[in-house]
């Protein structure tokens, strides 16, 4: 009985031959993006103005690797299932870390940020499982716009936060920074991004409902066999 259960379990989660771990250049860049995340957080929470300024650079480099690894993968034919799984996961690790750090710093409310984070990871896991099983999971253009808007808001908050903690900028632009970092304004921005993020998540599910149904039916058939 135990062997029967183990065998069926493995049939669900066994990776296809081309899902093996690959340390191709794009995947190395993706892993670098994940490794840069704790560096970014350490600099941001350091309490040192210089290190906080460096956190902006580290975050920018992490985002740059996101664009570059995709370009390299397409340009030189390094597209793999492992990369298709790891790349979106790395994106969510970076953006979610930044957003949750703003909650920790008291800059934004927690509930819309948690909605964003949970939605992003849920859709990413679903996409990854779909790719894992060889099923196409379509990405809408509006979802890419959502990602862009998230980056804009993250950089908006980060630049102002770092400027507010840099004495020269604080002395010269203090009142302006205070207005732009006003909690009410950031609250509205957070809720707006959360609404857009949730809407794209619902759109994902609707547009890919056939694929989701096929994945669900496949899992049921394997479990019942």
C-alpha atoms as a PDB file:
ATOM      1  CA  UNK A   1       0.000   0.000   0.000  1.00  0.00           C
ATOM      2  CA  UNK A   2       2.834   2.370   0.873  1.00  0.00           C
ATOM      3  CA  UNK A   3       4.598   1.617  -2.408  1.00  0.00           C
ATOM      4  CA  UNK A   4       1.367   2.268  -4.315  1.00  0.00           C
ATOM      5  CA  UNK A   5       0.981   5.695  -2.674  1.00  0.00           C
ATOM      6  CA  UNK A   6       4.606   6.655  -3.246  1.00  0.00           C
ATOM      7  CA  UNK A   7       4.478   5.624  -6.901  1.00  0.00           C
ATOM      8  CA  UNK A   8       1.321   7.666  -7.561  1.00  0.00           C
ATOM      9  CA  UNK A   9       2.756  10.621  -5.702  1.00  0.00           C
ATOM     10  CA  UNK A  10       5.892  10.523  -7.823  1.00  0.00           C
ATOM     11  CA  UNK A  11       3.875  10.275 -11.009  1.00  0.00           C
ATOM     12  CA  UNK A  12       2.311  13.640 -10.198  1.00  0.00           C
ATOM     13  CA  UNK A  13       5.517  15.448  -9.308  1.00  0.00           C
ATOM     14  CA  UNK A  14       8.181  13.667 -11.349  1.00  0.00           C
ATOM     15  CA  UNK A  15       9.929  16.188 -13.578  1.00  0.00           C
ATOM     16  CA  UNK A  16      10.157  15.564 -17.296  1.00  0.00           C
ATOM     17  CA  UNK A  17      13.652  15.019 -18.755  1.00  0.00           C
ATOM     18  CA  UNK A  18      14.067  18.668 -19.837  1.00  0.00           C
ATOM     19  CA  UNK A  19      13.159  19.958 -16.354  1.00  0.00           C
ATOM     20  CA  UNK A  20      16.572  19.111 -14.921  1.00  0.00           C
ATOM     21  CA  UNK A  21      18.463  21.907 -13.187  1.00  0.00           C
ATOM     22  CA  UNK A  22      20.451  23.953 -15.674  1.00  0.00           C
ATOM     23  CA  UNK A  23      23.074  26.542 -14.731  1.00  0.00           C
ATOM     24  CA  UNK A  24      23.015  28.269 -18.097  1.00  0.00           C
ATOM     25  CA  UNK A  25      23.936  31.998 -18.216  1.00  0.00           C
ATOM     26  CA  UNK A  26      20.302  33.176 -17.950  1.00  0.00           C
ATOM     27  CA  UNK A  27      19.678  30.925 -14.954  1.00  0.00           C
ATOM     28  CA  UNK A  28      22.869  32.150 -13.315  1.00  0.00           C
ATOM     29  CA  UNK A  29      21.556  35.712 -13.675  1.00  0.00           C
ATOM     30  CA  UNK A  30      18.234  34.613 -12.189  1.00  0.00           C
ATOM     31  CA  UNK A  31      19.976  33.037  -9.200  1.00  0.00           C
ATOM     32  CA  UNK A  32      22.061  36.208  -8.837  1.00  0.00           C
ATOM     33  CA  UNK A  33      18.812  38.189  -8.633  1.00  0.00           C
ATOM     34  CA  UNK A  34      17.648  36.044  -5.738  1.00  0.00           C
ATOM     35  CA  UNK A  35      21.027  36.342  -3.965  1.00  0.00           C
ATOM     36  CA  UNK A  36      20.956  40.137  -4.355  1.00  0.00           C
ATOM     37  CA  UNK A  37      17.682  40.333  -2.414  1.00  0.00           C
ATOM     38  CA  UNK A  38      19.160  39.876   1.108  1.00  0.00           C
ATOM     39  CA  UNK A  39      21.956  42.305   0.163  1.00  0.00           C
ATOM     40  CA  UNK A  40      19.349  44.872  -0.839  1.00  0.00           C
ATOM     41  CA  UNK A  41      17.426  44.365   2.412  1.00  0.00           C
ATOM     42  CA  UNK A  42      20.572  44.561   4.550  1.00  0.00           C
ATOM     43  CA  UNK A  43      21.523  47.894   2.972  1.00  0.00           C
ATOM     44  CA  UNK A  44      17.980  49.276   3.206  1.00  0.00           C
ATOM     45  CA  UNK A  45      17.661  48.452   6.928  1.00  0.00           C
ATOM     46  CA  UNK A  46      21.238  49.384   7.788  1.00  0.00           C
ATOM     47  CA  UNK A  47      20.350  52.833   9.121  1.00  0.00           C
ATOM     48  CA  UNK A  48      23.349  54.181   7.226  1.00  0.00           C
ATOM     49  CA  UNK A  49      22.558  56.766   4.540  1.00  0.00           C
ATOM     50  CA  UNK A  50      25.325  55.553   2.231  1.00  0.00           C
ATOM     51  CA  UNK A  51      24.274  51.911   2.464  1.00  0.00           C
ATOM     52  CA  UNK A  52      20.663  52.912   1.874  1.00  0.00           C
ATOM     53  CA  UNK A  53      21.729  54.719  -1.287  1.00  0.00           C
ATOM     54  CA  UNK A  54      23.553  51.547  -2.327  1.00  0.00           C
ATOM     55  CA  UNK A  55      20.318  49.611  -1.805  1.00  0.00           C
ATOM     56  CA  UNK A  56      18.838  51.585  -4.700  1.00  0.00           C
ATOM     57  CA  UNK A  57      21.708  50.483  -6.934  1.00  0.00           C
ATOM     58  CA  UNK A  58      21.452  46.847  -5.828  1.00  0.00           C
ATOM     59  CA  UNK A  59      17.714  46.838  -6.498  1.00  0.00           C
ATOM     60  CA  UNK A  60      18.262  48.393  -9.929  1.00  0.00           C
ATOM     61  CA  UNK A  61      20.874  45.732 -10.782  1.00  0.00           C
ATOM     62  CA  UNK A  62      18.430  43.013  -9.690  1.00  0.00           C
ATOM     63  CA  UNK A  63      15.768  44.417 -12.011  1.00  0.00           C
ATOM     64  CA  UNK A  64      18.306  44.755 -14.803  1.00  0.00           C
ATOM     65  CA  UNK A  65      19.176  41.059 -14.565  1.00  0.00           C
ATOM     66  CA  UNK A  66      15.466  40.321 -14.997  1.00  0.00           C
ATOM     67  CA  UNK A  67      15.472  41.984 -18.411  1.00  0.00           C
ATOM     68  CA  UNK A  68      18.912  40.725 -19.402  1.00  0.00           C
ATOM     69  CA  UNK A  69      18.440  37.047 -18.546  1.00  0.00           C
ATOM     70  CA  UNK A  70      15.267  36.935 -20.628  1.00  0.00           C
ATOM     71  CA  UNK A  71      17.038  38.582 -23.560  1.00  0.00           C
ATOM     72  CA  UNK A  72      20.003  36.192 -23.334  1.00  0.00           C
ATOM     73  CA  UNK A  73      17.704  33.174 -23.092  1.00  0.00           C
ATOM     74  CA  UNK A  74      15.780  34.151 -26.221  1.00  0.00           C
ATOM     75  CA  UNK A  75      18.795  35.421 -28.163  1.00  0.00           C
ATOM     76  CA  UNK A  76      21.005  32.375 -27.615  1.00  0.00           C
ATOM     77  CA  UNK A  77      18.382  29.656 -27.258  1.00  0.00           C
ATOM     78  CA  UNK A  78      18.767  29.018 -23.524  1.00  0.00           C
ATOM     79  CA  UNK A  79      15.023  28.749 -22.917  1.00  0.00           C
ATOM     80  CA  UNK A  80      14.414  25.825 -20.529  1.00  0.00           C
ATOM     81  CA  UNK A  81      11.595  24.654 -18.288  1.00  0.00           C
ATOM     82  CA  UNK A  82      13.828  25.176 -15.287  1.00  0.00           C
ATOM     83  CA  UNK A  83      14.378  28.794 -16.331  1.00  0.00           C
ATOM     84  CA  UNK A  84      10.658  29.265 -16.980  1.00  0.00           C
ATOM     85  CA  UNK A  85      10.038  28.114 -13.397  1.00  0.00           C
ATOM     86  CA  UNK A  86      12.833  30.027 -11.686  1.00  0.00           C
ATOM     87  CA  UNK A  87      12.647  33.388 -13.480  1.00  0.00           C
ATOM     88  CA  UNK A  88       9.136  34.488 -12.402  1.00  0.00           C
ATOM     89  CA  UNK A  89       9.804  33.139  -8.903  1.00  0.00           C
ATOM     90  CA  UNK A  90      12.928  35.303  -8.627  1.00  0.00           C
ATOM     91  CA  UNK A  91      10.925  38.339  -9.763  1.00  0.00           C
ATOM     92  CA  UNK A  92       8.385  37.801  -6.998  1.00  0.00           C
ATOM     93  CA  UNK A  93      11.112  37.302  -4.382  1.00  0.00           C
ATOM     94  CA  UNK A  94      12.651  40.673  -5.259  1.00  0.00           C
ATOM     95  CA  UNK A  95       9.443  42.718  -5.538  1.00  0.00           C
ATOM     96  CA  UNK A  96       7.754  41.095  -2.529  1.00  0.00           C
ATOM     97  CA  UNK A  97      10.825  41.718  -0.366  1.00  0.00           C
ATOM     98  CA  UNK A  98      10.778  45.399  -1.286  1.00  0.00           C
ATOM     99  CA  UNK A  99       7.043  45.779  -0.660  1.00  0.00           C
ATOM    100  CA  UNK A 100       7.141  43.942   2.675  1.00  0.00           C
ATOM    101  CA  UNK A 101      10.127  46.029   3.752  1.00  0.00           C
ATOM    102  CA  UNK A 102       7.952  49.138   3.275  1.00  0.00           C
ATOM    103  CA  UNK A 103       5.373  47.596   5.603  1.00  0.00           C
ATOM    104  CA  UNK A 104       8.081  46.917   8.189  1.00  0.00           C
ATOM    105  CA  UNK A 105       9.288  50.522   7.902  1.00  0.00           C
ATOM    106  CA  UNK A 106       5.745  51.781   8.488  1.00  0.00           C
ATOM    107  CA  UNK A 107       5.523  53.481   5.098  1.00  0.00           C
ATOM    108  CA  UNK A 108       2.509  51.595   3.735  1.00  0.00           C
ATOM    109  CA  UNK A 109      -0.420  49.586   5.171  1.00  0.00           C
ATOM    110  CA  UNK A 110       0.013  45.843   5.483  1.00  0.00           C
ATOM    111  CA  UNK A 111      -3.247  44.463   4.087  1.00  0.00           C
ATOM    112  CA  UNK A 112      -2.950  45.603   0.425  1.00  0.00           C
ATOM    113  CA  UNK A 113       0.708  44.552   0.327  1.00  0.00           C
ATOM    114  CA  UNK A 114      -0.128  41.067   1.582  1.00  0.00           C
ATOM    115  CA  UNK A 115      -2.854  40.817  -1.061  1.00  0.00           C
ATOM    116  CA  UNK A 116      -0.257  41.671  -3.718  1.00  0.00           C
ATOM    117  CA  UNK A 117       2.319  39.215  -2.373  1.00  0.00           C
ATOM    118  CA  UNK A 118      -0.101  36.306  -1.948  1.00  0.00           C
ATOM    119  CA  UNK A 119      -1.645  36.859  -5.390  1.00  0.00           C
ATOM    120  CA  UNK A 120       1.775  37.073  -7.074  1.00  0.00           C
ATOM    121  CA  UNK A 121       3.106  33.897  -5.481  1.00  0.00           C
ATOM    122  CA  UNK A 122      -0.155  31.998  -6.078  1.00  0.00           C
ATOM    123  CA  UNK A 123      -0.179  32.836  -9.794  1.00  0.00           C
ATOM    124  CA  UNK A 124       3.566  32.149 -10.065  1.00  0.00           C
ATOM    125  CA  UNK A 125       3.180  28.696  -8.499  1.00  0.00           C
ATOM    126  CA  UNK A 126       0.250  27.950 -10.804  1.00  0.00           C
ATOM    127  CA  UNK A 127       2.224  29.101 -13.860  1.00  0.00           C
ATOM    128  CA  UNK A 128       5.249  27.091 -12.796  1.00  0.00           C
ATOM    129  CA  UNK A 129       3.215  23.923 -12.273  1.00  0.00           C
ATOM    130  CA  UNK A 130       1.585  24.450 -15.658  1.00  0.00           C
ATOM    131  CA  UNK A 131       4.998  24.805 -17.332  1.00  0.00           C
ATOM    132  CA  UNK A 132       6.199  21.788 -15.345  1.00  0.00           C
ATOM    133  CA  UNK A 133       3.425  19.703 -16.876  1.00  0.00           C
ATOM    134  CA  UNK A 134       4.020  21.071 -20.380  1.00  0.00           C
ATOM    135  CA  UNK A 135       0.861  23.199 -20.429  1.00  0.00           C
ATOM    136  CA  UNK A 136       0.956  26.707 -21.828  1.00  0.00           C
ATOM    137  CA  UNK A 137      -0.077  29.420 -19.361  1.00  0.00           C
ATOM    138  CA  UNK A 138      -0.707  32.679 -21.213  1.00  0.00           C
ATOM    139  CA  UNK A 139       0.456  36.016 -19.818  1.00  0.00           C
ATOM    140  CA  UNK A 140      -1.632  39.084 -20.618  1.00  0.00           C
ATOM    141  CA  UNK A 141      -0.179  42.445 -21.620  1.00  0.00           C
ATOM    142  CA  UNK A 142      -2.108  44.029 -18.757  1.00  0.00           C
ATOM    143  CA  UNK A 143      -0.202  41.783 -16.320  1.00  0.00           C
ATOM    144  CA  UNK A 144       3.063  43.169 -17.672  1.00  0.00           C
ATOM    145  CA  UNK A 145       1.687  46.679 -17.148  1.00  0.00           C
ATOM    146  CA  UNK A 146       0.888  45.685 -13.572  1.00  0.00           C
ATOM    147  CA  UNK A 147       4.474  44.579 -13.028  1.00  0.00           C
ATOM    148  CA  UNK A 148       5.757  47.851 -14.464  1.00  0.00           C
ATOM    149  CA  UNK A 149       3.469  49.870 -12.172  1.00  0.00           C
ATOM    150  CA  UNK A 150       4.676  47.862  -9.180  1.00  0.00           C
ATOM    151  CA  UNK A 151       8.280  48.735 -10.051  1.00  0.00           C
ATOM    152  CA  UNK A 152       7.364  52.421 -10.436  1.00  0.00           C
ATOM    153  CA  UNK A 153       5.697  52.531  -7.011  1.00  0.00           C
ATOM    154  CA  UNK A 154       8.557  50.610  -5.387  1.00  0.00           C
ATOM    155  CA  UNK A 155      11.158  52.975  -6.790  1.00  0.00           C
ATOM    156  CA  UNK A 156       9.023  56.011  -5.947  1.00  0.00           C
ATOM    157  CA  UNK A 157       8.879  54.981  -2.291  1.00  0.00           C
ATOM    158  CA  UNK A 158      12.501  53.837  -2.120  1.00  0.00           C
ATOM    159  CA  UNK A 159      13.969  57.009  -3.626  1.00  0.00           C
ATOM    160  CA  UNK A 160      11.936  59.245  -1.329  1.00  0.00           C
ATOM    161  CA  UNK A 161      12.717  57.112   1.739  1.00  0.00           C
ATOM    162  CA  UNK A 162      16.447  57.165   1.030  1.00  0.00           C
ATOM    163  CA  UNK A 163      16.359  60.898   0.251  1.00  0.00           C
ATOM    164  CA  UNK A 164      14.533  61.518   3.522  1.00  0.00           C
ATOM    165  CA  UNK A 165      17.346  59.740   5.400  1.00  0.00           C
ATOM    166  CA  UNK A 166      20.102  61.620   3.553  1.00  0.00           C
ATOM    167  CA  UNK A 167      20.911  64.821   5.419  1.00  0.00           C
ATOM    168  CA  UNK A 168      21.741  66.991   2.396  1.00  0.00           C
ATOM    169  CA  UNK A 169      18.478  66.106   0.619  1.00  0.00           C
ATOM    170  CA  UNK A 170      16.515  66.343   3.838  1.00  0.00           C
ATOM    171  CA  UNK A 171      17.745  69.880   4.514  1.00  0.00           C
ATOM    172  CA  UNK A 172      17.087  71.061   0.972  1.00  0.00           C
ATOM    173  CA  UNK A 173      13.886  69.205   0.073  1.00  0.00           C
ATOM    174  CA  UNK A 174      12.435  68.186   3.453  1.00  0.00           C
ATOM    175  CA  UNK A 175       8.914  69.649   3.065  1.00  0.00           C
ATOM    176  CA  UNK A 176       8.535  68.283  -0.465  1.00  0.00           C
ATOM    177  CA  UNK A 177       9.697  64.823   0.596  1.00  0.00           C
ATOM    178  CA  UNK A 178       7.252  64.853   3.503  1.00  0.00           C
ATOM    179  CA  UNK A 179       4.354  65.650   1.169  1.00  0.00           C
ATOM    180  CA  UNK A 180       5.346  62.952  -1.310  1.00  0.00           C
ATOM    181  CA  UNK A 181       5.873  60.401   1.479  1.00  0.00           C
ATOM    182  CA  UNK A 182       2.582  61.258   3.165  1.00  0.00           C
ATOM    183  CA  UNK A 183       1.038  58.066   4.545  1.00  0.00           C
ATOM    184  CA  UNK A 184      -2.389  58.850   3.077  1.00  0.00           C
ATOM    185  CA  UNK A 185      -0.895  59.179  -0.406  1.00  0.00           C
ATOM    186  CA  UNK A 186       1.068  55.936  -0.080  1.00  0.00           C
ATOM    187  CA  UNK A 187      -2.052  54.243   1.281  1.00  0.00           C
ATOM    188  CA  UNK A 188      -3.970  55.157  -1.864  1.00  0.00           C
ATOM    189  CA  UNK A 189      -1.081  54.028  -4.092  1.00  0.00           C
ATOM    190  CA  UNK A 190      -0.860  50.694  -2.258  1.00  0.00           C
ATOM    191  CA  UNK A 191      -4.584  50.038  -2.558  1.00  0.00           C
ATOM    192  CA  UNK A 192      -4.566  51.026  -6.239  1.00  0.00           C
ATOM    193  CA  UNK A 193      -1.721  48.630  -7.027  1.00  0.00           C
ATOM    194  CA  UNK A 194      -3.433  45.903  -4.983  1.00  0.00           C
ATOM    195  CA  UNK A 195      -6.680  46.344  -6.954  1.00  0.00           C
ATOM    196  CA  UNK A 196      -4.819  46.192 -10.282  1.00  0.00           C
ATOM    197  CA  UNK A 197      -2.832  43.162  -9.103  1.00  0.00           C
ATOM    198  CA  UNK A 198      -5.942  41.282  -7.966  1.00  0.00           C
ATOM    199  CA  UNK A 199      -7.742  42.142 -11.204  1.00  0.00           C
ATOM    200  CA  UNK A 200      -4.895  40.741 -13.316  1.00  0.00           C
ATOM    201  CA  UNK A 201      -4.922  37.635 -11.124  1.00  0.00           C
ATOM    202  CA  UNK A 202      -8.618  37.092 -11.827  1.00  0.00           C
ATOM    203  CA  UNK A 203      -7.975  37.733 -15.537  1.00  0.00           C
ATOM    204  CA  UNK A 204      -5.204  35.095 -15.451  1.00  0.00           C
ATOM    205  CA  UNK A 205      -7.607  32.520 -14.054  1.00  0.00           C
ATOM    206  CA  UNK A 206     -10.343  33.359 -16.550  1.00  0.00           C
ATOM    207  CA  UNK A 207      -8.052  33.398 -19.604  1.00  0.00           C
ATOM    208  CA  UNK A 208      -6.349  30.145 -18.592  1.00  0.00           C
ATOM    209  CA  UNK A 209      -9.387  28.331 -17.207  1.00  0.00           C
ATOM    210  CA  UNK A 210      -9.078  25.581 -19.820  1.00  0.00           C
ATOM    211  CA  UNK A 211      -5.457  24.900 -18.836  1.00  0.00           C
ATOM    212  CA  UNK A 212      -6.352  24.958 -15.131  1.00  0.00           C
ATOM    213  CA  UNK A 213      -9.181  22.490 -15.754  1.00  0.00           C
ATOM    214  CA  UNK A 214      -6.819  20.179 -17.637  1.00  0.00           C
ATOM    215  CA  UNK A 215      -4.277  20.320 -14.796  1.00  0.00           C
ATOM    216  CA  UNK A 216      -7.002  19.572 -12.242  1.00  0.00           C
ATOM    217  CA  UNK A 217      -8.342  16.653 -14.284  1.00  0.00           C
ATOM    218  CA  UNK A 218      -4.825  15.288 -14.771  1.00  0.00           C
ATOM    219  CA  UNK A 219      -4.122  15.366 -11.027  1.00  0.00           C
ATOM    220  CA  UNK A 220      -7.431  13.629 -10.284  1.00  0.00           C
ATOM    221  CA  UNK A 221      -6.759  10.878 -12.849  1.00  0.00           C
ATOM    222  CA  UNK A 222      -3.309  10.189 -11.409  1.00  0.00           C
ATOM    223  CA  UNK A 223      -4.607  10.179  -7.827  1.00  0.00           C
ATOM    224  CA  UNK A 224      -7.457   7.799  -8.664  1.00  0.00           C
ATOM    225  CA  UNK A 225      -5.327   5.392 -10.745  1.00  0.00           C
END
